């Protein structure tokens, strides 16, 4: 029996995880820095794309999948869905429609989602969460000793001509929130 397939992380996973985690925390430092919002729209969007793409790739690591399942029953409502489905949705919009230069310009609609196939993950997400309502969250920043309040708005109409990402999640507080969701999920795999 090959123990490399049983033990987690195996040799291949360890290689990827070490590099990915290092990059993830580099991106966290950039994005959570007070100067981040002074960067140009396109530079901020680049870093947001990078961290979300990297995180969603890390969601494929089997032990992290168990963490997401754990969140469904042991954390506040919707935290697991936001930590996985929302981030995958944003990643897919950013990857499949690299048409925009800023977070505030990004929009999607059903015609764009189906331009080359009948039904994909972006459209499935929109259908599932359309009219789900608003979710209110708050994030405590222990270093700055400040609370950030934000709304995640699943109040869009799927038949709208444009569903703006900024209307679902505002950039400044939203990205801070996304990092706050991603960090504990990934930290769950770190040895103390």
Protein backbone atom coordinates (compact mmCIF):
# COMPACT_ATOMS: atom_id res chain seq x y z
CA UNK A 1 0.00 0.00 0.00
CA UNK A 2 1.34 3.42 -0.95
CA UNK A 3 1.22 5.58 2.21
CA UNK A 4 1.66 8.70 0.06
CA UNK A 5 -1.99 8.39 -1.00
CA UNK A 6 -3.28 7.96 2.56
CA UNK A 7 -1.38 10.52 4.62
CA UNK A 8 -2.45 14.14 4.36
CA UNK A 9 -0.76 16.13 3.11
CA UNK A 10 1.10 13.81 0.78
CA UNK A 11 4.33 14.87 -0.94
CA UNK A 12 2.64 16.53 -3.94
CA UNK A 13 0.06 18.29 -1.79
CA UNK A 14 2.73 19.52 0.61
CA UNK A 15 4.68 21.07 -2.25
CA UNK A 16 1.65 22.93 -3.54
CA UNK A 17 0.30 23.86 -0.10
CA UNK A 18 3.58 25.40 1.05
CA UNK A 19 3.86 27.60 -2.03
CA UNK A 20 0.14 28.45 -2.08
CA UNK A 21 -0.04 29.33 1.61
CA UNK A 22 3.02 31.56 1.35
CA UNK A 23 1.45 33.41 -1.58
CA UNK A 24 -1.94 33.60 0.15
CA UNK A 25 -0.46 35.28 3.21
CA UNK A 26 1.57 37.67 1.03
CA UNK A 27 -1.66 38.68 -0.70
CA UNK A 28 -3.42 39.03 2.68
CA UNK A 29 -0.73 41.44 3.83
CA UNK A 30 -1.17 43.55 0.70
CA UNK A 31 -4.97 43.55 0.75
CA UNK A 32 -5.40 44.22 4.47
CA UNK A 33 -2.87 47.05 4.48
CA UNK A 34 -4.41 50.48 5.00
CA UNK A 35 -2.78 51.66 1.77
CA UNK A 36 -4.57 49.05 -0.35
CA UNK A 37 -7.49 51.33 -1.21
CA UNK A 38 -5.05 53.97 -2.49
CA UNK A 39 -3.94 51.61 -5.28
CA UNK A 40 -5.53 52.08 -8.68
CA UNK A 41 -8.80 50.22 -9.39
CA UNK A 42 -7.08 47.82 -11.77
CA UNK A 43 -4.24 47.02 -9.35
CA UNK A 44 -6.70 46.34 -6.53
CA UNK A 45 -8.73 44.11 -8.84
CA UNK A 46 -5.57 42.20 -9.80
CA UNK A 47 -4.82 41.40 -6.14
CA UNK A 48 -8.44 40.51 -5.41
CA UNK A 49 -8.50 38.13 -8.39
CA UNK A 50 -5.23 36.57 -7.25
CA UNK A 51 -6.26 35.89 -3.67
CA UNK A 52 -9.72 34.58 -4.56
CA UNK A 53 -8.34 32.34 -7.33
CA UNK A 54 -5.72 30.94 -5.01
CA UNK A 55 -8.22 30.37 -2.19
CA UNK A 56 -10.72 28.59 -4.43
CA UNK A 57 -7.94 26.36 -5.72
CA UNK A 58 -7.08 25.50 -2.11
CA UNK A 59 -10.73 24.56 -1.52
CA UNK A 60 -9.97 21.44 -3.58
CA UNK A 61 -7.70 20.09 -0.84
CA UNK A 62 -9.72 17.31 0.81
CA UNK A 63 -9.24 18.34 4.48
CA UNK A 64 -10.42 21.88 3.66
CA UNK A 65 -13.63 20.41 2.23
CA UNK A 66 -14.26 18.91 5.69
CA UNK A 67 -13.77 22.33 7.26
CA UNK A 68 -16.46 23.80 4.99
CA UNK A 69 -18.81 20.96 5.99
CA UNK A 70 -18.05 21.65 9.66
CA UNK A 71 -18.91 25.33 9.21
CA UNK A 72 -22.40 24.37 8.00
CA UNK A 73 -23.35 23.04 11.44
CA UNK A 74 -21.05 24.86 13.85
CA UNK A 75 -20.85 28.46 12.64
CA UNK A 76 -23.36 31.24 12.00
CA UNK A 77 -25.88 30.68 9.20
CA UNK A 78 -24.49 31.00 5.69
CA UNK A 79 -20.83 31.18 6.76
CA UNK A 80 -20.00 27.92 4.98
CA UNK A 81 -21.83 29.00 1.83
CA UNK A 82 -20.10 32.38 1.83
CA UNK A 83 -16.72 30.73 2.49
CA UNK A 84 -17.16 28.45 -0.48
CA UNK A 85 -20.02 29.18 -2.89
CA UNK A 86 -19.82 32.99 -2.84
CA UNK A 87 -16.05 32.96 -3.28
CA UNK A 88 -16.29 30.42 -6.11
CA UNK A 89 -18.95 32.58 -7.77
CA UNK A 90 -16.75 35.68 -7.56
CA UNK A 91 -13.76 33.69 -8.82
CA UNK A 92 -15.75 32.39 -11.77
CA UNK A 93 -17.05 35.84 -12.69
CA UNK A 94 -13.52 37.29 -12.50
CA UNK A 95 -11.98 34.41 -14.45
CA UNK A 96 -14.59 33.82 -17.14
CA UNK A 97 -15.37 37.49 -17.74
CA UNK A 98 -12.07 39.38 -17.51
CA UNK A 99 -13.78 42.34 -19.14
CA UNK A 100 -13.58 44.92 -16.39
CA UNK A 101 -10.89 47.06 -14.80
CA UNK A 102 -12.49 47.69 -11.41
CA UNK A 103 -14.65 45.92 -8.85
CA UNK A 104 -17.35 48.58 -9.24
CA UNK A 105 -17.63 47.99 -13.00
CA UNK A 106 -18.10 44.20 -12.84
CA UNK A 107 -21.56 43.03 -13.82
CA UNK A 108 -23.17 39.84 -15.02
CA UNK A 109 -26.55 38.83 -16.41
CA UNK A 110 -28.18 35.65 -17.66
CA UNK A 111 -27.26 36.34 -21.29
CA UNK A 112 -23.57 36.63 -20.40
CA UNK A 113 -23.77 33.49 -18.24
CA UNK A 114 -25.22 31.50 -21.13
CA UNK A 115 -23.35 32.98 -24.08
CA UNK A 116 -21.58 29.67 -24.75
CA UNK A 117 -23.45 27.08 -22.69
CA UNK A 118 -26.93 26.54 -21.37
CA UNK A 119 -26.26 26.45 -17.64
CA UNK A 120 -23.04 26.99 -15.73
CA UNK A 121 -21.93 27.52 -12.15
CA UNK A 122 -22.37 31.31 -12.27
CA UNK A 123 -25.99 31.03 -13.39
CA UNK A 124 -26.66 28.24 -10.88
CA UNK A 125 -25.36 30.49 -8.09
CA UNK A 126 -27.50 33.41 -9.27
CA UNK A 127 -30.61 31.21 -9.43
CA UNK A 128 -29.95 29.67 -6.02
CA UNK A 129 -29.37 32.96 -4.18
CA UNK A 130 -31.65 35.28 -6.13
CA UNK A 131 -34.07 36.88 -3.70
CA UNK A 132 -32.30 35.18 -0.76
CA UNK A 133 -32.27 38.52 1.00
CA UNK A 134 -29.65 40.51 2.79
CA UNK A 135 -27.11 39.09 5.20
CA UNK A 136 -25.57 41.43 7.74
CA UNK A 137 -22.09 40.76 9.03
CA UNK A 138 -19.55 42.45 11.19
CA UNK A 139 -15.82 41.87 11.36
CA UNK A 140 -13.59 42.69 14.31
CA UNK A 141 -10.07 43.76 13.41
CA UNK A 142 -8.03 42.87 16.49
CA UNK A 143 -4.95 44.78 15.33
CA UNK A 144 -6.79 48.02 14.64
CA UNK A 145 -9.38 47.51 17.39
CA UNK A 146 -12.23 48.39 15.04
CA UNK A 147 -15.44 46.80 13.85
CA UNK A 148 -16.47 46.79 10.19
CA UNK A 149 -20.14 46.33 9.32
CA UNK A 150 -21.29 45.16 5.93
CA UNK A 151 -24.23 43.79 4.02
CA UNK A 152 -24.18 40.95 1.52
CA UNK A 153 -27.11 41.55 -0.78
CA UNK A 154 -28.75 38.57 -2.38
CA UNK A 155 -31.67 40.77 -3.35
CA UNK A 156 -30.93 40.91 -7.06
CA UNK A 157 -33.41 40.02 -9.78
CA UNK A 158 -31.96 37.35 -12.03
CA UNK A 159 -33.78 38.84 -15.02
CA UNK A 160 -32.02 42.20 -14.54
CA UNK A 161 -30.09 43.61 -17.43
CA UNK A 162 -27.05 43.95 -15.15
CA UNK A 163 -26.28 42.47 -11.73
CA UNK A 164 -23.33 44.41 -10.35
CA UNK A 165 -20.86 42.69 -8.06
CA UNK A 166 -20.63 45.93 -6.02
CA UNK A 167 -24.37 45.64 -5.30
CA UNK A 168 -23.87 42.16 -3.86
CA UNK A 169 -20.73 43.09 -1.93
CA UNK A 170 -19.14 46.53 -1.64
CA UNK A 171 -15.41 46.46 -2.45
CA UNK A 172 -13.66 47.97 0.58
CA UNK A 173 -15.52 46.26 3.42
CA UNK A 174 -16.42 43.31 1.20
CA UNK A 175 -12.86 42.34 0.38
CA UNK A 176 -11.88 42.74 4.03
CA UNK A 177 -14.76 40.40 4.85
CA UNK A 178 -13.74 37.85 2.22
CA UNK A 179 -10.21 37.74 3.64
CA UNK A 180 -11.72 37.31 7.12
CA UNK A 181 -13.68 34.31 5.79
CA UNK A 182 -10.75 32.76 3.96
CA UNK A 183 -8.13 33.03 6.68
CA UNK A 184 -9.70 30.77 9.32
CA UNK A 185 -10.59 28.14 6.73
CA UNK A 186 -6.99 27.97 5.57
CA UNK A 187 -5.56 28.40 9.07
CA UNK A 188 -7.40 25.21 10.04
CA UNK A 189 -4.70 23.26 8.20
CA UNK A 190 -1.72 24.93 9.86
CA UNK A 191 0.19 23.36 12.70
CA UNK A 192 0.50 25.61 15.70
